[in-house]
Every structure is written in structure tokens, then in C-alpha cells.
Amino acid sequence: IREDARSVARNFYSFLGVDTKFYNDSFDDKIYETKALRFKALNTPVQLCVQILSKLNAQPLLGALYPMWAKIGKKKTKKPPLSQQDRREAYSLFKKDIKKTERLLGRDLSAWKPKA
């Protein structure tokens, strides 16, 4: 999916019976990137400020400060790998759904399966 988002979107739209030409460049954006605190020592004071501003009903100020803190206070990091035990457990819970998704999309999702 990551390597060919446009193709996946076209196939999905075709499956839904809607215009397959629609594509938004934001589809390529990473939205939920894994991030870690850049300055751990600042996290507690920042959280305290958030609590105080919340109690003062200063939501507009919080709304303005949050994106800045998210950009300055956090850094991109690699997400920790899923252990084989967790992968097996998740796969056992979602096995039927994964197989159904494979059939619906006509795609091989073996990368989601745990290693033997």
C-alpha cells in the first residue's frame, strides 16, 4: 500500500463503484508518524502548562501552541518492531478479516502474516 497508494486507491474506488480518477496529494502524507520526545525534561512543565491553560479556558491559546510543541518537542523515530508473539496473536484475532480483505482487494497480504 505504501509503495503504490494511487493504485490501491483506484482499486478501492473501483470496488466501491465511484470515480477512480480522484486522488488527493495528501494521500501520500504520513499522518500518524511515530514520534518520541526530544526534550524529556520539558514534558512535565509543558503538561502542567496545558492543565493550567485548560482550567483557564484558554483553548484558542492551546490550539495555537500545540502544533508548535508537536513540531519542536518531538522528533521522528522508528516505531518498535512488533514481536513475533504479538504478531501471531493479532493475526489469530484478525485472520478471517485479513483473508476477506485479500479477496476483496485481490491483493496478497502475506506480509501481515506471522513468520512460522
C-alpha atoms as a PDB file:
ATOM      1  CA  ILE A   1       0.000   0.000   0.000  1.00  0.00           C
ATOM      2  CA  ARG A   2       2.823   2.424   0.895  1.00  0.00           C
ATOM      3  CA  GLU A   3       4.652   1.828  -2.364  1.00  0.00           C
ATOM      4  CA  ASP A   4       1.646   2.337  -4.641  1.00  0.00           C
ATOM      5  CA  ALA A   5      -1.076   4.287  -2.838  1.00  0.00           C
ATOM      6  CA  ARG A   6      -2.561   5.540  -6.119  1.00  0.00           C
ATOM      7  CA  SER A   7      -3.136   2.024  -7.422  1.00  0.00           C
ATOM      8  CA  VAL A   8      -4.664   0.895  -4.135  1.00  0.00           C
ATOM      9  CA  ALA A   9      -6.962   3.945  -4.137  1.00  0.00           C
ATOM     10  CA  ARG A  10      -8.037   3.258  -7.754  1.00  0.00           C
ATOM     11  CA  ASN A  11      -8.803  -0.388  -6.958  1.00  0.00           C
ATOM     12  CA  PHE A  12     -10.730   0.621  -3.849  1.00  0.00           C
ATOM     13  CA  TYR A  13     -12.733   3.251  -5.744  1.00  0.00           C
ATOM     14  CA  SER A  14     -13.456   0.741  -8.496  1.00  0.00           C
ATOM     15  CA  PHE A  15     -14.689  -1.732  -5.879  1.00  0.00           C
ATOM     16  CA  LEU A  16     -16.986   0.981  -4.461  1.00  0.00           C
ATOM     17  CA  GLY A  17     -18.163   1.968  -7.934  1.00  0.00           C
ATOM     18  CA  VAL A  18     -17.032   5.591  -7.675  1.00  0.00           C
ATOM     19  CA  ASP A  19     -14.789   7.802  -9.829  1.00  0.00           C
ATOM     20  CA  THR A  20     -11.412   6.061  -9.954  1.00  0.00           C
ATOM     21  CA  LYS A  21      -9.599   9.209 -11.125  1.00  0.00           C
ATOM     22  CA  PHE A  22      -9.932  11.022  -7.792  1.00  0.00           C
ATOM     23  CA  TYR A  23      -6.667  11.309  -5.927  1.00  0.00           C
ATOM     24  CA  ASN A  24      -5.520  13.848  -3.406  1.00  0.00           C
ATOM     25  CA  ASP A  25      -1.808  14.528  -2.870  1.00  0.00           C
ATOM     26  CA  SER A  26      -2.430  14.378   0.879  1.00  0.00           C
ATOM     27  CA  PHE A  27      -2.859  10.606   0.469  1.00  0.00           C
ATOM     28  CA  ASP A  28       0.938  10.453   0.323  1.00  0.00           C
ATOM     29  CA  ASP A  29       1.347  12.348   3.616  1.00  0.00           C
ATOM     30  CA  LYS A  30       2.375  10.489   6.731  1.00  0.00           C
ATOM     31  CA  ILE A  31      -0.235  11.343   9.325  1.00  0.00           C
ATOM     32  CA  TYR A  32       0.460   9.109  12.297  1.00  0.00           C
ATOM     33  CA  GLU A  33       4.223   9.030  12.300  1.00  0.00           C
ATOM     34  CA  THR A  34       5.893   7.552  15.331  1.00  0.00           C
ATOM     35  CA  LYS A  35       7.495  10.296  17.368  1.00  0.00           C
ATOM     36  CA  ALA A  36       9.480  10.462  20.578  1.00  0.00           C
ATOM     37  CA  LEU A  37      10.036  13.327  22.977  1.00  0.00           C
ATOM     38  CA  ARG A  38      13.024  15.415  22.011  1.00  0.00           C
ATOM     39  CA  PHE A  39      13.352  17.108  25.412  1.00  0.00           C
ATOM     40  CA  LYS A  40      12.066  14.744  28.097  1.00  0.00           C
ATOM     41  CA  ALA A  41      12.820  17.249  30.854  1.00  0.00           C
ATOM     42  CA  LEU A  42      10.367  19.716  29.292  1.00  0.00           C
ATOM     43  CA  ASN A  43       7.464  17.296  29.071  1.00  0.00           C
ATOM     44  CA  THR A  44       6.288  17.741  32.689  1.00  0.00           C
ATOM     45  CA  PRO A  45       6.358  21.567  32.595  1.00  0.00           C
ATOM     46  CA  VAL A  46       4.567  21.554  29.244  1.00  0.00           C
ATOM     47  CA  GLN A  47       1.883  19.196  30.584  1.00  0.00           C
ATOM     48  CA  LEU A  48       1.472  21.453  33.620  1.00  0.00           C
ATOM     49  CA  CYS A  49       1.013  24.488  31.345  1.00  0.00           C
ATOM     50  CA  VAL A  50      -1.593  22.584  29.340  1.00  0.00           C
ATOM     51  CA  GLN A  51      -3.514  21.772  32.524  1.00  0.00           C
ATOM     52  CA  ILE A  52      -3.393  25.391  33.721  1.00  0.00           C
ATOM     53  CA  LEU A  53      -4.455  26.796  30.339  1.00  0.00           C
ATOM     54  CA  SER A  54      -7.278  24.248  30.176  1.00  0.00           C
ATOM     55  CA  LYS A  55      -8.550  25.336  33.598  1.00  0.00           C
ATOM     56  CA  LEU A  56      -8.390  28.961  32.425  1.00  0.00           C
ATOM     57  CA  ASN A  57     -10.483  28.049  29.349  1.00  0.00           C
ATOM     58  CA  ALA A  58      -7.667  29.217  27.072  1.00  0.00           C
ATOM     59  CA  GLN A  59      -8.425  26.727  24.290  1.00  0.00           C
ATOM     60  CA  PRO A  60      -7.507  29.175  21.478  1.00  0.00           C
ATOM     61  CA  LEU A  61      -4.058  29.623  23.024  1.00  0.00           C
ATOM     62  CA  LEU A  62      -3.697  25.858  23.463  1.00  0.00           C
ATOM     63  CA  GLY A  63      -4.745  25.374  19.856  1.00  0.00           C
ATOM     64  CA  ALA A  64      -2.016  27.754  18.739  1.00  0.00           C
ATOM     65  CA  LEU A  65       0.704  26.327  20.981  1.00  0.00           C
ATOM     66  CA  TYR A  66       0.081  22.615  20.418  1.00  0.00           C
ATOM     67  CA  PRO A  67       1.270  22.437  16.777  1.00  0.00           C
ATOM     68  CA  MET A  68       4.402  24.343  17.755  1.00  0.00           C
ATOM     69  CA  TRP A  69       5.146  21.941  20.635  1.00  0.00           C
ATOM     70  CA  ALA A  70       4.391  18.936  18.438  1.00  0.00           C
ATOM     71  CA  LYS A  71       6.934  20.172  15.907  1.00  0.00           C
ATOM     72  CA  ILE A  72       9.657  21.362  18.310  1.00  0.00           C
ATOM     73  CA  GLY A  73       9.193  18.977  21.223  1.00  0.00           C
ATOM     74  CA  LYS A  74       9.035  15.722  19.314  1.00  0.00           C
ATOM     75  CA  LYS A  75      11.264  14.020  16.801  1.00  0.00           C
ATOM     76  CA  LYS A  76      10.599  11.298  14.269  1.00  0.00           C
ATOM     77  CA  THR A  77      11.654   7.883  15.397  1.00  0.00           C
ATOM     78  CA  LYS A  78      11.312   4.344  14.194  1.00  0.00           C
ATOM     79  CA  LYS A  79       8.436   2.502  15.748  1.00  0.00           C
ATOM     80  CA  PRO A  80       9.455  -0.533  17.738  1.00  0.00           C
ATOM     81  CA  PRO A  81       9.032  -3.792  15.847  1.00  0.00           C
ATOM     82  CA  LEU A  82       6.065  -5.996  16.666  1.00  0.00           C
ATOM     83  CA  SER A  83       7.245  -9.145  18.417  1.00  0.00           C
ATOM     84  CA  GLN A  84       6.503 -12.451  16.689  1.00  0.00           C
ATOM     85  CA  GLN A  85       4.324 -13.453  19.636  1.00  0.00           C
ATOM     86  CA  ASP A  86       2.247 -10.251  19.325  1.00  0.00           C
ATOM     87  CA  ARG A  87       2.085 -10.686  15.536  1.00  0.00           C
ATOM     88  CA  ARG A  88       0.801 -14.270  15.942  1.00  0.00           C
ATOM     89  CA  GLU A  89      -1.775 -13.154  18.492  1.00  0.00           C
ATOM     90  CA  ALA A  90      -3.003 -10.263  16.326  1.00  0.00           C
ATOM     91  CA  TYR A  91      -3.122 -12.497  13.266  1.00  0.00           C
ATOM     92  CA  SER A  92      -5.186 -15.109  15.099  1.00  0.00           C
ATOM     93  CA  LEU A  93      -7.678 -12.375  16.047  1.00  0.00           C
ATOM     94  CA  PHE A  94      -7.905 -10.906  12.533  1.00  0.00           C
ATOM     95  CA  LYS A  95      -7.240 -13.963  10.335  1.00  0.00           C
ATOM     96  CA  LYS A  96     -10.756 -14.102   8.857  1.00  0.00           C
ATOM     97  CA  ASP A  97     -10.767 -10.349   8.222  1.00  0.00           C
ATOM     98  CA  ILE A  98      -7.346 -10.481   6.549  1.00  0.00           C
ATOM     99  CA  LYS A  99      -8.425 -13.297   4.238  1.00  0.00           C
ATOM    100  CA  LYS A 100     -11.637 -11.436   3.372  1.00  0.00           C
ATOM    101  CA  THR A 101      -9.662  -8.250   2.695  1.00  0.00           C
ATOM    102  CA  GLU A 102      -7.286 -10.193   0.427  1.00  0.00           C
ATOM    103  CA  ARG A 103     -10.240 -11.490  -1.585  1.00  0.00           C
ATOM    104  CA  LEU A 104     -11.938  -8.090  -1.783  1.00  0.00           C
ATOM    105  CA  LEU A 105      -8.784  -6.243  -2.839  1.00  0.00           C
ATOM    106  CA  GLY A 106      -7.338  -9.044  -4.929  1.00  0.00           C
ATOM    107  CA  ARG A 107      -4.018  -8.432  -3.188  1.00  0.00           C
ATOM    108  CA  ASP A 108      -1.609 -10.674  -1.349  1.00  0.00           C
ATOM    109  CA  LEU A 109      -1.405  -9.610   2.293  1.00  0.00           C
ATOM    110  CA  SER A 110       1.051 -12.306   3.360  1.00  0.00           C
ATOM    111  CA  ALA A 111       3.273  -9.572   4.848  1.00  0.00           C
ATOM    112  CA  TRP A 112       0.654  -9.309   7.590  1.00  0.00           C
ATOM    113  CA  LYS A 113       1.006 -12.990   8.472  1.00  0.00           C
ATOM    114  CA  PRO A 114       3.414 -14.068  11.205  1.00  0.00           C
ATOM    115  CA  LYS A 115       6.548 -15.968  10.318  1.00  0.00           C
ATOM    116  CA  ALA A 116       6.383 -19.666  11.059  1.00  0.00           C
END
